[in-house]
Amino acid sequence: MNNDYTIRLETKNDYREVETLTREAFWNVYKPGADEHYFVHMMRNHPDFIPELAFVLEIGGRIVGSIMYTKAWLENARGERKEILSFGPLCVAPEYQRQKLGKVLIEHSFAAARKMGYDVNINFGNPGNYVSRGFVSCKKKNVSFIAEGNFPTALLVCELIPGALDGGKWMYIPSTAADCCEDTAAVEAFDAAFPPKEKAWAPSQEEFYIYSHSSVVR
């Protein structure tokens, strides 16, 4: 791993560079093309965005990694809500991937989140990317998604404070920040301001489809 890096909070001057990085990191990964850079662009003005947890990682003065967070919630059977976190996008420039820089960003931001009083983070993603970082299946922590008893394979839970969810039964309520990506015309218009890139199919797209459309039943 390259240890000659700096982690700091994102500033307004970083916005376009982070959006470009995000586009490069996610292009053709989960779908032909990408919309994560538009999500980043819009997220910053959403009420659930947490700027105190928007970190960038620099090497040689260049931003090569980024992590951003929104609020999310867990609700119990009594209708009581617990505010938690959800990070994403987490991205690393393609040429710096598999050097544990994503792990560094997660650990740095988790430490900051604990200081802010947060004790749980939940993400929707490929389990292979997260189980080594302390994430477990949502079923193991009794966290369902929308419907009672629905435990998606891709819904992953990490307790920032061990035992934070012990004994509870919860329903996960995500932020609406990502809803902006449903406006495909707006995504395409935003993307048109970046250098052209070819949209293509990749095996990772089918892998994520399988994870995101399956559930843990036992």
Protein backbone atom coordinates (compact mmCIF):
# COMPACT_ATOMS: atom_id res chain seq x y z
CA MET A 1 0.00 0.00 0.00
CA ASN A 2 1.16 3.54 -0.78
CA ASN A 3 1.61 5.19 2.61
CA ASP A 4 2.46 8.60 1.20
CA TYR A 5 -1.08 9.93 1.37
CA THR A 6 -3.09 12.64 3.10
CA ILE A 7 -6.73 12.41 4.20
CA ARG A 8 -8.71 15.61 4.70
CA LEU A 9 -12.24 16.96 4.45
CA GLU A 10 -13.57 17.81 1.02
CA THR A 11 -13.80 21.52 0.14
CA LYS A 12 -15.82 23.32 -2.53
CA ASN A 13 -12.69 23.57 -4.63
CA ASP A 14 -12.60 19.76 -4.78
CA TYR A 15 -16.13 19.24 -6.08
CA ARG A 16 -15.39 18.77 -9.78
CA GLU A 17 -12.28 16.70 -9.15
CA VAL A 18 -14.22 14.37 -6.85
CA GLU A 19 -17.04 14.06 -9.38
CA THR A 20 -14.54 13.20 -12.12
CA LEU A 21 -12.86 10.65 -9.85
CA THR A 22 -16.22 9.10 -9.00
CA ARG A 23 -17.15 8.83 -12.67
CA GLU A 24 -13.87 7.10 -13.48
CA ALA A 25 -14.12 4.71 -10.54
CA PHE A 26 -17.68 3.57 -11.27
CA TRP A 27 -17.86 3.69 -15.06
CA ASN A 28 -19.38 0.42 -16.35
CA VAL A 29 -19.04 -1.23 -12.93
CA TYR A 30 -22.72 -1.57 -11.91
CA LYS A 31 -24.35 -0.55 -15.18
CA PRO A 32 -23.24 0.59 -18.63
CA GLY A 33 -21.92 4.07 -17.88
CA ALA A 34 -22.44 5.49 -14.39
CA ASP A 35 -24.64 7.84 -12.37
CA GLU A 36 -22.63 7.96 -9.14
CA HIS A 37 -20.94 11.24 -10.11
CA TYR A 38 -24.36 12.85 -10.52
CA PHE A 39 -25.38 11.42 -7.13
CA VAL A 40 -22.29 13.03 -5.56
CA HIS A 41 -23.11 16.32 -7.26
CA MET A 42 -26.68 16.36 -5.96
CA MET A 43 -26.01 14.79 -2.56
CA ARG A 44 -24.13 17.82 -1.27
CA ASN A 45 -27.35 19.85 -1.25
CA HIS A 46 -29.52 17.13 0.30
CA PRO A 47 -30.52 17.58 3.96
CA ASP A 48 -29.25 14.08 4.81
CA PHE A 49 -25.71 14.79 3.60
CA ILE A 50 -23.05 14.90 6.35
CA PRO A 51 -20.23 17.21 5.21
CA GLU A 52 -18.23 16.46 8.37
CA LEU A 53 -17.72 12.94 6.98
CA ALA A 54 -16.89 13.81 3.37
CA PHE A 55 -13.22 12.90 3.12
CA VAL A 56 -10.77 12.87 0.24
CA LEU A 57 -7.48 11.00 0.04
CA GLU A 58 -4.60 12.71 -1.79
CA ILE A 59 -1.35 11.34 -3.19
CA GLY A 60 1.09 13.82 -4.64
CA GLY A 61 -1.48 16.59 -4.46
CA ARG A 62 -4.01 14.60 -6.53
CA ILE A 63 -7.30 13.32 -5.13
CA VAL A 64 -7.33 9.56 -5.71
CA GLY A 65 -9.96 8.52 -3.15
CA SER A 66 -13.21 9.82 -1.71
CA ILE A 67 -15.89 8.76 0.75
CA MET A 68 -19.21 10.49 1.49
CA TYR A 69 -22.02 9.84 3.97
CA THR A 70 -25.71 10.43 4.42
CA LYS A 71 -27.94 9.88 7.39
CA ALA A 72 -30.16 6.79 7.46
CA TRP A 73 -32.49 5.32 10.07
CA LEU A 74 -33.52 2.16 11.82
CA GLU A 75 -37.08 1.81 13.09
CA ASN A 76 -38.28 -0.73 15.65
CA ALA A 77 -41.73 -2.27 16.11
CA ARG A 78 -42.79 0.61 18.38
CA GLY A 79 -42.07 3.12 15.63
CA GLU A 80 -39.02 4.48 17.41
CA ARG A 81 -36.24 5.64 15.11
CA LYS A 82 -32.49 5.46 15.53
CA GLU A 83 -30.33 7.70 13.34
CA ILE A 84 -27.44 5.84 11.73
CA LEU A 85 -25.04 6.27 8.81
CA SER A 86 -24.67 5.03 5.27
CA PHE A 87 -21.57 5.76 3.22
CA GLY A 88 -21.24 5.96 -0.52
CA PRO A 89 -19.98 6.46 -2.98
CA LEU A 90 -16.64 5.17 -1.74
CA CYS A 91 -14.27 5.41 -4.65
CA VAL A 92 -10.61 5.02 -5.49
CA ALA A 93 -9.02 5.91 -8.81
CA PRO A 94 -8.74 2.76 -10.97
CA GLU A 95 -4.93 2.80 -10.99
CA TYR A 96 -4.85 2.94 -7.18
CA GLN A 97 -7.41 0.23 -6.51
CA ARG A 98 -6.49 -2.95 -4.59
CA GLN A 99 -3.95 -1.00 -2.53
CA LYS A 100 -6.17 -0.86 0.60
CA LEU A 101 -6.86 2.86 0.20
CA GLY A 102 -10.60 2.21 0.45
CA LYS A 103 -9.98 0.47 3.77
CA VAL A 104 -8.01 3.48 4.98
CA LEU A 105 -10.87 5.83 4.07
CA ILE A 106 -13.43 3.62 5.80
CA GLU A 107 -11.40 3.37 9.00
CA HIS A 108 -10.59 7.10 9.07
CA SER A 109 -14.21 8.11 8.55
CA PHE A 110 -15.52 5.52 11.03
CA ALA A 111 -13.25 7.01 13.70
CA ALA A 112 -14.66 10.46 12.95
CA ALA A 113 -18.22 9.08 12.99
CA ARG A 114 -17.74 7.55 16.43
CA LYS A 115 -16.62 10.92 17.76
CA MET A 116 -19.88 12.37 16.39
CA GLY A 117 -21.87 9.78 18.35
CA TYR A 118 -22.78 7.36 15.57
CA ASP A 119 -22.65 3.64 16.34
CA VAL A 120 -24.01 1.90 13.21
CA ASN A 121 -23.31 2.08 9.46
CA ILE A 122 -25.38 0.24 6.86
CA ASN A 123 -24.53 -0.12 3.19
CA PHE A 124 -26.10 -1.69 0.13
CA GLY A 125 -23.28 -3.28 -1.84
CA ASN A 126 -21.24 -6.29 -2.88
CA PRO A 127 -20.50 -8.35 0.27
CA GLY A 128 -17.09 -9.27 -1.12
CA ASN A 129 -16.04 -5.65 -0.82
CA TYR A 130 -17.11 -5.20 2.79
CA VAL A 131 -17.11 -8.35 4.94
CA SER A 132 -13.37 -7.98 5.61
CA ARG A 133 -14.11 -4.49 6.97
CA GLY A 134 -16.41 -5.73 9.75
CA PHE A 135 -19.71 -5.80 7.84
CA VAL A 136 -22.12 -8.70 8.28
CA SER A 137 -25.39 -9.78 6.72
CA CYS A 138 -28.33 -7.65 7.81
CA LYS A 139 -30.06 -10.86 8.92
CA LYS A 140 -27.44 -11.45 11.62
CA LYS A 141 -28.38 -8.10 13.17
CA ASN A 142 -32.17 -8.46 12.63
CA VAL A 143 -32.28 -5.54 10.19
CA SER A 144 -34.87 -6.00 7.45
CA PHE A 145 -35.41 -3.83 4.40
CA ILE A 146 -38.86 -2.25 3.97
CA ALA A 147 -40.89 -5.43 4.38
CA GLU A 148 -40.84 -7.58 7.51
CA GLY A 149 -38.53 -10.53 7.03
CA ASN A 150 -36.87 -9.26 3.83
CA PHE A 151 -33.10 -9.57 4.29
CA PRO A 152 -31.34 -8.59 1.04
CA THR A 153 -28.00 -10.22 0.38
CA ALA A 154 -26.52 -6.83 -0.43
CA LEU A 155 -27.74 -5.09 2.75
CA LEU A 156 -24.72 -5.07 5.06
CA VAL A 157 -24.40 -3.87 8.64
CA CYS A 158 -21.34 -2.66 10.54
CA GLU A 159 -21.56 -1.80 14.22
CA LEU A 160 -19.13 1.04 14.91
CA ILE A 161 -19.67 0.26 18.58
CA PRO A 162 -19.84 -3.52 19.17
CA GLY A 163 -23.24 -4.62 20.45
CA ALA A 164 -25.03 -1.44 19.34
CA LEU A 165 -27.88 -3.48 17.84
CA ASP A 166 -27.93 -6.43 20.22
CA GLY A 167 -31.42 -7.63 21.07
CA GLY A 168 -33.19 -5.30 18.67
CA LYS A 169 -35.35 -5.93 15.64
CA TRP A 170 -35.19 -3.19 13.04
CA MET A 171 -36.35 -1.98 9.66
CA TYR A 172 -33.84 -0.03 7.57
CA ILE A 173 -34.94 3.33 6.19
CA PRO A 174 -32.42 4.80 3.72
CA SER A 175 -31.98 8.43 2.79
CA THR A 176 -33.79 9.70 -0.30
CA ALA A 177 -30.57 11.35 -1.50
CA ALA A 178 -30.03 8.77 -4.26
CA ASP A 179 -33.52 9.25 -5.69
CA CYS A 180 -32.11 11.95 -7.96
CA CYS A 181 -30.53 9.23 -10.11
CA GLU A 182 -33.98 8.05 -11.19
CA ASP A 183 -34.08 11.13 -13.43
CA THR A 184 -32.09 9.56 -16.25
CA ALA A 185 -32.40 12.64 -18.46
CA ALA A 186 -30.78 14.76 -15.75
CA VAL A 187 -28.03 12.16 -15.32
CA GLU A 188 -27.31 12.17 -19.06
CA ALA A 189 -27.31 15.97 -19.23
CA PHE A 190 -24.85 16.19 -16.34
CA ASP A 191 -22.62 13.49 -17.80
CA ALA A 192 -22.48 15.33 -21.14
CA ALA A 193 -20.27 17.96 -19.50
CA PHE A 194 -17.51 15.36 -19.01
CA PRO A 195 -15.21 13.86 -21.67
CA PRO A 196 -17.00 11.16 -23.71
CA LYS A 197 -16.65 7.56 -22.51
CA GLU A 198 -18.01 4.38 -24.05
CA LYS A 199 -20.76 2.60 -22.17
CA ALA A 200 -20.30 -1.16 -22.11
CA TRP A 201 -21.33 -4.36 -20.38
CA ALA A 202 -19.01 -5.85 -17.74
CA PRO A 203 -19.26 -9.04 -15.62
CA SER A 204 -19.41 -6.93 -12.45
CA GLN A 205 -22.82 -5.69 -13.56
CA GLU A 206 -24.30 -9.18 -13.53
CA GLU A 207 -22.58 -9.95 -10.23
CA PHE A 208 -24.17 -6.90 -8.61
CA TYR A 209 -27.56 -7.72 -10.15
CA ILE A 210 -27.46 -11.13 -8.48
CA TYR A 211 -26.50 -9.70 -5.09
CA SER A 212 -29.00 -6.87 -5.25
CA HIS A 213 -31.94 -9.08 -6.31
CA SER A 214 -31.45 -11.91 -3.81
CA SER A 215 -32.16 -12.34 -0.11
CA VAL A 216 -30.89 -14.32 2.85
CA VAL A 217 -33.74 -16.63 3.88
CA ARG A 218 -32.18 -18.82 6.59
